Amino acid sequence: MGGYYNARRYWFASLLVFPLLLANAIVLAEGARRGAVRWGGRAVAGFLLVASLVTQARMLALPDELADYRVLTRDLAASGERGVWMPTWNAWVVAALSGGTIDGVSNHYNRRQEVLERAAARDHIAIVLPAGKDFPPGFRMLDAVFVRGSGPVHPAGPWRWCSYDRADHG
């Protein structure tokens, strides 16, 4: 009953482990002296392969829980944003979906010093908030102070984002 993202997290690991276990079981069954054991091993292997294919086909029908993040990431990248601050852990999803072109920083995730320094050194950074939240007039990241830019607020799925300029860079 999990969603696409949760199912996909375990799918990769199962694709690595399951074939090894299945191959071992087939080797053990094929090495048996009794023909019934060999045929039983083959039947179980065939059933497991069919069940695996059906399960994987059902997973393709699950809704993509990352669709809203993909829209947000495309919008940020198309606007030239390379640094994003979000109030929740979602910043890592945006950073990952961007293929490493956007540094995602939040209160709860990616507090690594080098990522924070890279984001704070930028001339501007985007703040992404859930729709309905108000943007602050400014914010501080390490020693850098950012103030709201003159650009518009961009809607992107369930979020809105706005570009902030570094105060000491004009």
N, C-alpha and C. Protein backbone atom coordinates (compact mmCIF):
# COMPACT_ATOMS: atom_id res chain seq x y z
N MET A 1 0.82 -1.21 0.00
CA MET A 1 0.00 0.00 0.00
C MET A 1 0.86 1.26 0.00
N GLY A 2 2.18 1.12 -0.11
CA GLY A 2 3.06 2.29 -0.14
C GLY A 2 2.97 3.02 -1.46
N GLY A 3 3.48 4.21 -1.47
CA GLY A 3 3.50 5.01 -2.68
C GLY A 3 4.70 4.67 -3.56
N TYR A 4 4.79 5.34 -4.67
CA TYR A 4 5.83 5.09 -5.66
C TYR A 4 7.22 5.26 -5.05
N TYR A 5 7.43 6.37 -4.34
CA TYR A 5 8.75 6.65 -3.80
C TYR A 5 9.16 5.60 -2.77
N ASN A 6 8.26 5.23 -1.87
CA ASN A 6 8.58 4.22 -0.86
C ASN A 6 8.84 2.86 -1.50
N ALA A 7 8.05 2.47 -2.47
CA ALA A 7 8.25 1.18 -3.14
C ALA A 7 9.56 1.17 -3.90
N ARG A 8 9.90 2.26 -4.53
CA ARG A 8 11.10 2.33 -5.34
C ARG A 8 12.37 2.22 -4.49
N ARG A 9 12.30 2.72 -3.26
CA ARG A 9 13.47 2.64 -2.37
C ARG A 9 13.88 1.20 -2.14
N TYR A 10 12.93 0.29 -2.04
CA TYR A 10 13.22 -1.10 -1.75
C TYR A 10 13.38 -1.94 -3.00
N TRP A 11 12.89 -1.45 -4.10
CA TRP A 11 12.95 -2.19 -5.35
C TRP A 11 14.39 -2.45 -5.78
N PHE A 12 15.24 -1.42 -5.70
CA PHE A 12 16.62 -1.57 -6.14
C PHE A 12 17.34 -2.63 -5.33
N ALA A 13 17.20 -2.58 -4.01
CA ALA A 13 17.85 -3.59 -3.16
C ALA A 13 17.33 -4.99 -3.47
N SER A 14 16.04 -5.11 -3.70
CA SER A 14 15.50 -6.44 -4.00
C SER A 14 16.00 -6.96 -5.35
N LEU A 15 16.26 -6.06 -6.28
CA LEU A 15 16.80 -6.48 -7.58
C LEU A 15 18.23 -6.99 -7.44
N LEU A 16 18.93 -6.57 -6.41
CA LEU A 16 20.29 -7.06 -6.20
C LEU A 16 20.31 -8.38 -5.43
N VAL A 17 19.49 -8.50 -4.41
CA VAL A 17 19.52 -9.66 -3.53
C VAL A 17 18.71 -10.83 -4.09
N PHE A 18 17.54 -10.58 -4.61
CA PHE A 18 16.65 -11.65 -5.06
C PHE A 18 17.28 -12.56 -6.11
N PRO A 19 17.93 -12.04 -7.14
CA PRO A 19 18.53 -12.96 -8.12
C PRO A 19 19.60 -13.87 -7.52
N LEU A 20 20.34 -13.36 -6.56
CA LEU A 20 21.35 -14.21 -5.91
C LEU A 20 20.70 -15.34 -5.13
N LEU A 21 19.66 -15.03 -4.37
CA LEU A 21 18.96 -16.06 -3.61
C LEU A 21 18.28 -17.06 -4.53
N LEU A 22 17.67 -16.57 -5.59
CA LEU A 22 17.00 -17.44 -6.54
C LEU A 22 18.01 -18.36 -7.24
N ALA A 23 19.13 -17.82 -7.66
CA ALA A 23 20.15 -18.63 -8.32
C ALA A 23 20.68 -19.71 -7.38
N ASN A 24 20.89 -19.37 -6.12
CA ASN A 24 21.36 -20.35 -5.15
C ASN A 24 20.33 -21.46 -4.96
N ALA A 25 19.08 -21.10 -4.87
CA ALA A 25 18.02 -22.11 -4.69
C ALA A 25 17.94 -23.02 -5.91
N ILE A 26 18.08 -22.47 -7.11
CA ILE A 26 18.03 -23.29 -8.32
C ILE A 26 19.22 -24.24 -8.36
N VAL A 27 20.40 -23.76 -8.01
CA VAL A 27 21.58 -24.63 -8.00
C VAL A 27 21.39 -25.78 -7.02
N LEU A 28 20.87 -25.47 -5.83
CA LEU A 28 20.64 -26.53 -4.84
C LEU A 28 19.60 -27.54 -5.33
N ALA A 29 18.53 -27.04 -5.93
CA ALA A 29 17.48 -27.94 -6.43
C ALA A 29 17.98 -28.77 -7.60
N GLU A 30 18.75 -28.19 -8.50
CA GLU A 30 19.25 -28.93 -9.67
C GLU A 30 20.28 -29.98 -9.26
N GLY A 31 20.92 -29.78 -8.12
CA GLY A 31 21.90 -30.76 -7.65
C GLY A 31 21.28 -31.94 -6.92
N ALA A 32 19.98 -31.90 -6.70
CA ALA A 32 19.32 -33.00 -5.99
C ALA A 32 19.21 -34.22 -6.89
N ARG A 33 19.18 -35.41 -6.28
CA ARG A 33 19.10 -36.66 -7.04
C ARG A 33 17.69 -36.94 -7.53
N ARG A 34 16.73 -36.50 -6.79
CA ARG A 34 15.33 -36.79 -7.16
C ARG A 34 14.84 -35.79 -8.21
N GLY A 35 14.20 -36.32 -9.21
CA GLY A 35 13.66 -35.48 -10.28
C GLY A 35 12.54 -34.57 -9.78
N ALA A 36 11.78 -35.05 -8.79
CA ALA A 36 10.68 -34.23 -8.26
C ALA A 36 11.21 -32.96 -7.60
N VAL A 37 12.36 -33.05 -6.93
CA VAL A 37 12.95 -31.87 -6.29
C VAL A 37 13.43 -30.89 -7.35
N ARG A 38 14.05 -31.44 -8.41
CA ARG A 38 14.51 -30.55 -9.49
C ARG A 38 13.33 -29.83 -10.13
N TRP A 39 12.26 -30.57 -10.45
CA TRP A 39 11.09 -29.96 -11.07
C TRP A 39 10.38 -29.02 -10.09
N GLY A 40 10.37 -29.36 -8.84
CA GLY A 40 9.78 -28.47 -7.82
C GLY A 40 10.55 -27.17 -7.72
N GLY A 41 11.89 -27.25 -7.75
CA GLY A 41 12.72 -26.03 -7.72
C GLY A 41 12.49 -25.16 -8.93
N ARG A 42 12.36 -25.80 -10.08
CA ARG A 42 12.09 -25.03 -11.31
C ARG A 42 10.72 -24.37 -11.25
N ALA A 43 9.73 -25.10 -10.72
CA ALA A 43 8.37 -24.55 -10.61
C ALA A 43 8.34 -23.35 -9.65
N VAL A 44 9.01 -23.49 -8.51
CA VAL A 44 9.07 -22.37 -7.54
C VAL A 44 9.78 -21.17 -8.16
N ALA A 45 10.90 -21.43 -8.87
CA ALA A 45 11.63 -20.34 -9.52
C ALA A 45 10.75 -19.64 -10.57
N GLY A 46 10.04 -20.42 -11.36
CA GLY A 46 9.14 -19.82 -12.36
C GLY A 46 8.04 -19.00 -11.72
N PHE A 47 7.45 -19.54 -10.65
CA PHE A 47 6.40 -18.80 -9.95
C PHE A 47 6.94 -17.48 -9.37
N LEU A 48 8.13 -17.52 -8.77
CA LEU A 48 8.70 -16.30 -8.19
C LEU A 48 9.02 -15.27 -9.26
N LEU A 49 9.49 -15.72 -10.42
CA LEU A 49 9.76 -14.78 -11.50
C LEU A 49 8.48 -14.13 -12.01
N VAL A 50 7.43 -14.90 -12.17
CA VAL A 50 6.15 -14.34 -12.62
C VAL A 50 5.59 -13.38 -11.58
N ALA A 51 5.65 -13.78 -10.30
CA ALA A 51 5.17 -12.90 -9.23
C ALA A 51 5.97 -11.60 -9.19
N SER A 52 7.27 -11.70 -9.43
CA SER A 52 8.11 -10.50 -9.44
C SER A 52 7.73 -9.57 -10.60
N LEU A 53 7.49 -10.13 -11.77
CA LEU A 53 7.09 -9.31 -12.92
C LEU A 53 5.74 -8.63 -12.68
N VAL A 54 4.79 -9.35 -12.10
CA VAL A 54 3.48 -8.76 -11.80
C VAL A 54 3.64 -7.62 -10.80
N THR A 55 4.44 -7.83 -9.77
CA THR A 55 4.65 -6.79 -8.76
C THR A 55 5.31 -5.56 -9.37
N GLN A 56 6.31 -5.76 -10.21
CA GLN A 56 6.98 -4.63 -10.85
C GLN A 56 6.04 -3.89 -11.79
N ALA A 57 5.18 -4.62 -12.49
CA ALA A 57 4.20 -3.97 -13.37
C ALA A 57 3.22 -3.13 -12.55
N ARG A 58 2.81 -3.62 -11.39
CA ARG A 58 1.91 -2.86 -10.52
C ARG A 58 2.58 -1.60 -10.01
N MET A 59 3.88 -1.67 -9.75
CA MET A 59 4.60 -0.49 -9.27
C MET A 59 4.60 0.63 -10.29
N LEU A 60 4.62 0.27 -11.58
CA LEU A 60 4.61 1.29 -12.62
C LEU A 60 3.31 2.09 -12.62
N ALA A 61 2.24 1.51 -12.07
CA ALA A 61 0.95 2.19 -12.03
C ALA A 61 0.81 3.10 -10.80
N LEU A 62 1.75 3.03 -9.85
CA LEU A 62 1.67 3.89 -8.67
C LEU A 62 1.91 5.34 -9.07
N PRO A 63 1.26 6.28 -8.40
CA PRO A 63 1.49 7.69 -8.74
C PRO A 63 2.91 8.12 -8.39
N ASP A 64 3.46 9.01 -9.18
CA ASP A 64 4.81 9.53 -8.95
C ASP A 64 4.76 10.60 -7.87
N GLU A 65 5.23 10.25 -6.68
CA GLU A 65 5.19 11.19 -5.56
C GLU A 65 6.24 12.29 -5.69
N LEU A 66 7.12 12.18 -6.67
CA LEU A 66 8.13 13.21 -6.88
C LEU A 66 7.73 14.19 -7.99
N ALA A 67 6.54 14.05 -8.54
CA ALA A 67 6.12 14.89 -9.67
C ALA A 67 6.16 16.37 -9.31
N ASP A 68 5.67 16.75 -8.13
CA ASP A 68 5.69 18.16 -7.74
C ASP A 68 7.11 18.68 -7.57
N TYR A 69 8.00 17.83 -7.08
CA TYR A 69 9.41 18.23 -6.93
C TYR A 69 10.06 18.41 -8.29
N ARG A 70 9.68 17.58 -9.26
CA ARG A 70 10.25 17.71 -10.60
C ARG A 70 9.84 19.05 -11.22
N VAL A 71 8.58 19.45 -11.03
CA VAL A 71 8.11 20.74 -11.55
C VAL A 71 8.89 21.88 -10.90
N LEU A 72 9.04 21.82 -9.59
CA LEU A 72 9.78 22.86 -8.86
C LEU A 72 11.22 22.92 -9.33
N THR A 73 11.87 21.78 -9.45
CA THR A 73 13.28 21.74 -9.86
C THR A 73 13.46 22.29 -11.27
N ARG A 74 12.58 21.90 -12.19
CA ARG A 74 12.67 22.42 -13.57
C ARG A 74 12.49 23.93 -13.59
N ASP A 75 11.55 24.45 -12.81
CA ASP A 75 11.30 25.89 -12.77
C ASP A 75 12.50 26.64 -12.20
N LEU A 76 13.07 26.12 -11.12
CA LEU A 76 14.25 26.76 -10.52
C LEU A 76 15.43 26.74 -11.49
N ALA A 77 15.68 25.60 -12.11
CA ALA A 77 16.81 25.48 -13.03
C ALA A 77 16.62 26.37 -14.26
N ALA A 78 15.40 26.42 -14.78
CA ALA A 78 15.13 27.25 -15.96
C ALA A 78 15.31 28.73 -15.65
N SER A 79 15.11 29.11 -14.40
CA SER A 79 15.28 30.51 -14.00
C SER A 79 16.72 30.83 -13.61
N GLY A 80 17.59 29.85 -13.69
CA GLY A 80 19.00 30.08 -13.41
C GLY A 80 19.38 29.99 -11.94
N GLU A 81 18.49 29.51 -11.11
CA GLU A 81 18.80 29.40 -9.68
C GLU A 81 19.76 28.25 -9.45
N ARG A 82 20.76 28.46 -8.63
CA ARG A 82 21.75 27.43 -8.32
C ARG A 82 21.86 27.18 -6.82
N GLY A 83 21.11 27.91 -6.04
CA GLY A 83 21.07 27.71 -4.60
C GLY A 83 19.64 27.82 -4.11
N VAL A 84 19.22 26.90 -3.26
CA VAL A 84 17.85 26.87 -2.76
C VAL A 84 17.86 26.65 -1.26
N TRP A 85 17.07 27.43 -0.57
CA TRP A 85 16.85 27.20 0.86
C TRP A 85 15.37 26.86 1.03
N MET A 86 15.10 25.77 1.75
CA MET A 86 13.73 25.35 2.05
C MET A 86 13.65 25.11 3.56
N PRO A 87 12.50 25.35 4.16
CA PRO A 87 12.39 25.17 5.61
C PRO A 87 12.30 23.71 6.05
N THR A 88 12.19 22.80 5.12
CA THR A 88 12.05 21.38 5.47
C THR A 88 13.13 20.57 4.77
N TRP A 89 13.16 19.29 5.04
CA TRP A 89 14.15 18.39 4.46
C TRP A 89 14.05 18.27 2.95
N ASN A 90 13.00 18.78 2.33
CA ASN A 90 12.76 18.62 0.90
C ASN A 90 13.87 19.21 0.03
N ALA A 91 14.73 20.03 0.62
CA ALA A 91 15.80 20.65 -0.16
C ALA A 91 16.70 19.59 -0.80
N TRP A 92 16.91 18.48 -0.14
CA TRP A 92 17.77 17.44 -0.72
C TRP A 92 17.14 16.82 -1.95
N VAL A 93 15.80 16.75 -1.99
CA VAL A 93 15.11 16.18 -3.15
C VAL A 93 15.34 17.08 -4.36
N VAL A 94 15.20 18.38 -4.16
CA VAL A 94 15.43 19.34 -5.25
C VAL A 94 16.88 19.26 -5.71
N ALA A 95 17.82 19.20 -4.77
CA ALA A 95 19.23 19.11 -5.13
C ALA A 95 19.50 17.83 -5.93
N ALA A 96 18.93 16.73 -5.49
CA ALA A 96 19.15 15.45 -6.19
C ALA A 96 18.53 15.45 -7.57
N LEU A 97 17.31 15.97 -7.69
CA LEU A 97 16.64 15.99 -8.99
C LEU A 97 17.32 16.94 -9.98
N SER A 98 18.06 17.91 -9.46
CA SER A 98 18.75 18.85 -10.35
C SER A 98 20.04 18.26 -10.91
N GLY A 99 20.40 17.08 -10.45
CA GLY A 99 21.63 16.47 -10.93
C GLY A 99 22.87 17.15 -10.39
N GLY A 100 22.73 17.82 -9.25
CA GLY A 100 23.87 18.48 -8.63
C GLY A 100 24.09 19.91 -9.07
N THR A 101 23.20 20.45 -9.89
CA THR A 101 23.39 21.84 -10.33
C THR A 101 22.81 22.84 -9.34
N ILE A 102 21.95 22.38 -8.44
CA ILE A 102 21.35 23.25 -7.43
C ILE A 102 21.79 22.75 -6.06
N ASP A 103 22.32 23.66 -5.25
CA ASP A 103 22.64 23.34 -3.86
C ASP A 103 21.40 23.54 -3.02
N GLY A 104 20.96 22.49 -2.35
CA GLY A 104 19.78 22.57 -1.50
C GLY A 104 20.17 22.60 -0.04
N VAL A 105 19.70 23.60 0.68
CA VAL A 105 20.01 23.76 2.09
C VAL A 105 18.69 23.96 2.84
N SER A 106 18.60 23.39 4.03
CA SER A 106 17.42 23.57 4.87
C SER A 106 17.83 23.59 6.33
N ASN A 107 16.85 23.79 7.18
CA ASN A 107 17.11 23.75 8.62
C ASN A 107 17.46 22.36 9.09
N HIS A 108 16.96 21.34 8.39
CA HIS A 108 17.06 19.98 8.88
C HIS A 108 17.98 19.08 8.07
N TYR A 109 18.36 19.49 6.88
CA TYR A 109 19.14 18.62 6.02
C TYR A 109 20.23 19.42 5.33
N ASN A 110 21.28 18.73 4.99
CA ASN A 110 22.41 19.28 4.26
C ASN A 110 23.04 20.45 5.01
N ARG A 111 23.32 20.19 6.25
CA ARG A 111 23.99 21.19 7.06
C ARG A 111 25.51 21.03 6.98
N ARG A 112 26.00 20.34 5.95
CA ARG A 112 27.44 20.20 5.78
C ARG A 112 28.04 21.57 5.51
N GLN A 113 29.14 21.83 6.13
CA GLN A 113 29.76 23.15 6.07
C GLN A 113 30.08 23.58 4.64
N GLU A 114 30.61 22.67 3.82
CA GLU A 114 30.99 23.07 2.46
C GLU A 114 29.78 23.42 1.60
N VAL A 115 28.66 22.76 1.81
CA VAL A 115 27.45 23.09 1.06
C VAL A 115 26.89 24.43 1.53
N LEU A 116 26.87 24.64 2.83
CA LEU A 116 26.41 25.92 3.36
C LEU A 116 27.29 27.07 2.85
N GLU A 117 28.59 26.87 2.88
CA GLU A 117 29.50 27.92 2.40
C GLU A 117 29.31 28.21 0.92
N ARG A 118 29.11 27.16 0.14
CA ARG A 118 28.88 27.34 -1.30
C ARG A 118 27.59 28.11 -1.55
N ALA A 119 26.53 27.75 -0.83
CA ALA A 119 25.25 28.45 -1.00
C ALA A 119 25.33 29.89 -0.50
N ALA A 120 26.00 30.11 0.63
CA ALA A 120 26.11 31.46 1.20
C ALA A 120 26.98 32.38 0.34
N ALA A 121 27.87 31.81 -0.45
CA ALA A 121 28.76 32.62 -1.30
C ALA A 121 28.09 33.09 -2.58
N ARG A 122 26.92 32.59 -2.87
CA ARG A 122 26.23 32.96 -4.11
C ARG A 122 25.71 34.40 -4.04
N ASP A 123 25.55 35.00 -5.23
CA ASP A 123 25.01 36.36 -5.31
C ASP A 123 23.52 36.38 -5.02
N HIS A 124 22.85 35.29 -5.32
CA HIS A 124 21.43 35.18 -4.98
C HIS A 124 21.09 33.73 -4.71
N ILE A 125 20.00 33.55 -4.00
CA ILE A 125 19.54 32.22 -3.63
C ILE A 125 18.01 32.26 -3.62
N ALA A 126 17.39 31.15 -3.94
CA ALA A 126 15.93 31.09 -3.95
C ALA A 126 15.45 30.53 -2.61
N ILE A 127 14.41 31.13 -2.09
CA ILE A 127 13.73 30.58 -0.93
C ILE A 127 12.45 29.94 -1.44
N VAL A 128 12.24 28.69 -1.05
CA VAL A 128 11.04 27.96 -1.46
C VAL A 128 10.20 27.71 -0.22
N LEU A 129 8.96 28.14 -0.26
CA LEU A 129 8.03 27.97 0.86
C LEU A 129 6.74 27.31 0.38
N PRO A 130 6.06 26.63 1.27
CA PRO A 130 4.74 26.10 0.89
C PRO A 130 3.81 27.26 0.51
N ALA A 131 2.93 27.00 -0.44
CA ALA A 131 1.97 28.03 -0.85
C ALA A 131 1.19 28.48 0.38
N GLY A 132 0.99 29.77 0.49
CA GLY A 132 0.26 30.33 1.62
C GLY A 132 1.16 30.90 2.70
N LYS A 133 2.44 30.56 2.68
CA LYS A 133 3.38 31.11 3.66
C LYS A 133 3.93 32.43 3.13
N ASP A 134 4.20 33.35 4.05
CA ASP A 134 4.75 34.65 3.67
C ASP A 134 6.27 34.60 3.62
N PHE A 135 6.83 35.30 2.64
CA PHE A 135 8.28 35.36 2.51
C PHE A 135 8.83 36.42 3.46
N PRO A 136 9.94 36.14 4.13
CA PRO A 136 10.53 37.13 5.02
C PRO A 136 11.21 38.22 4.21
N PRO A 137 11.42 39.41 4.80
CA PRO A 137 12.12 40.47 4.06
C PRO A 137 13.59 40.13 3.82
N GLY A 138 14.15 39.29 4.66
CA GLY A 138 15.54 38.89 4.50
C GLY A 138 15.84 37.70 5.39
N PHE A 139 17.03 37.12 5.20
CA PHE A 139 17.46 36.03 6.07
C PHE A 139 18.98 35.95 6.04
N ARG A 140 19.52 35.25 7.02
CA ARG A 140 20.96 35.10 7.16
C ARG A 140 21.34 33.64 6.98
N MET A 141 22.41 33.43 6.22
CA MET A 141 22.99 32.11 6.06
C MET A 141 24.49 32.27 6.32
N LEU A 142 24.96 31.67 7.39
CA LEU A 142 26.33 31.88 7.88
C LEU A 142 26.53 33.37 8.08
N ASP A 143 27.52 33.98 7.43
CA ASP A 143 27.75 35.42 7.59
C ASP A 143 27.10 36.25 6.49
N ALA A 144 26.47 35.60 5.53
CA ALA A 144 25.84 36.30 4.42
C ALA A 144 24.41 36.68 4.75
N VAL A 145 24.05 37.89 4.38
CA VAL A 145 22.68 38.37 4.56
C VAL A 145 22.05 38.51 3.18
N PHE A 146 20.88 37.92 3.04
CA PHE A 146 20.15 37.98 1.78
C PHE A 146 18.87 38.77 1.99
N VAL A 147 18.53 39.62 1.02
CA VAL A 147 17.29 40.39 1.05
C VAL A 147 16.46 40.01 -0.16
N ARG A 148 15.18 40.16 -0.01
CA ARG A 148 14.26 39.78 -1.08
C ARG A 148 14.54 40.58 -2.33
N GLY A 149 14.64 39.89 -3.45
CA GLY A 149 14.90 40.55 -4.73
C GLY A 149 13.65 41.21 -5.28
N SER A 150 13.82 41.90 -6.38
CA SER A 150 12.69 42.62 -6.97
C SER A 150 11.86 41.73 -7.89
N GLY A 151 12.30 40.50 -8.10
CA GLY A 151 11.58 39.59 -8.99
C GLY A 151 10.26 39.12 -8.41
N PRO A 152 9.46 38.52 -9.24
CA PRO A 152 8.14 38.07 -8.80
C PRO A 152 8.22 36.79 -7.95
N VAL A 153 7.12 36.48 -7.30
CA VAL A 153 6.97 35.21 -6.61
C VAL A 153 6.50 34.21 -7.65
N HIS A 154 7.18 33.07 -7.72
CA HIS A 154 6.88 32.06 -8.73
C HIS A 154 6.10 30.91 -8.10
N PRO A 155 4.92 30.61 -8.60
CA PRO A 155 4.22 29.41 -8.11
C PRO A 155 4.80 28.18 -8.79
N ALA A 156 4.92 27.09 -8.04
CA ALA A 156 5.43 25.84 -8.59
C ALA A 156 4.81 24.69 -7.82
N GLY A 157 3.71 24.17 -8.33
CA GLY A 157 3.02 23.09 -7.63
C GLY A 157 2.52 23.58 -6.28
N PRO A 158 2.78 22.82 -5.22
CA PRO A 158 2.31 23.23 -3.89
C PRO A 158 3.24 24.26 -3.23
N TRP A 159 4.25 24.74 -3.97
CA TRP A 159 5.19 25.71 -3.41
C TRP A 159 5.14 27.02 -4.16
N ARG A 160 5.79 27.99 -3.54
CA ARG A 160 6.08 29.27 -4.19
C ARG A 160 7.55 29.54 -3.89
N TRP A 161 8.22 30.18 -4.82
CA TRP A 161 9.61 30.53 -4.56
C TRP A 161 9.89 31.95 -5.02
N CYS A 162 10.90 32.53 -4.38
CA CYS A 162 11.28 33.91 -4.67
C CYS A 162 12.80 34.00 -4.57
N SER A 163 13.39 34.78 -5.44
CA SER A 163 14.85 34.96 -5.43
C SER A 163 15.24 36.05 -4.44
N TYR A 164 16.28 35.78 -3.70
CA TYR A 164 16.84 36.72 -2.74
C TYR A 164 18.26 37.05 -3.16
N ASP A 165 18.61 38.35 -3.06
CA ASP A 165 19.94 38.83 -3.44
C ASP A 165 20.79 39.00 -2.19
N ARG A 166 22.07 38.76 -2.37
CA ARG A 166 23.01 38.95 -1.27
C ARG A 166 23.12 40.44 -1.01
N ALA A 167 22.96 40.86 0.23
CA ALA A 167 22.88 42.27 0.59
C ALA A 167 24.18 43.01 0.31
N ASP A 168 25.31 42.38 0.48
CA ASP A 168 26.59 43.08 0.29
C ASP A 168 27.11 42.99 -1.16
N HIS A 169 26.29 42.46 -2.07
CA HIS A 169 26.68 42.41 -3.49
C HIS A 169 25.78 43.28 -4.35
N GLY A 170 25.15 44.26 -3.75
CA GLY A 170 24.36 45.21 -4.51
C GLY A 170 23.02 44.70 -4.82
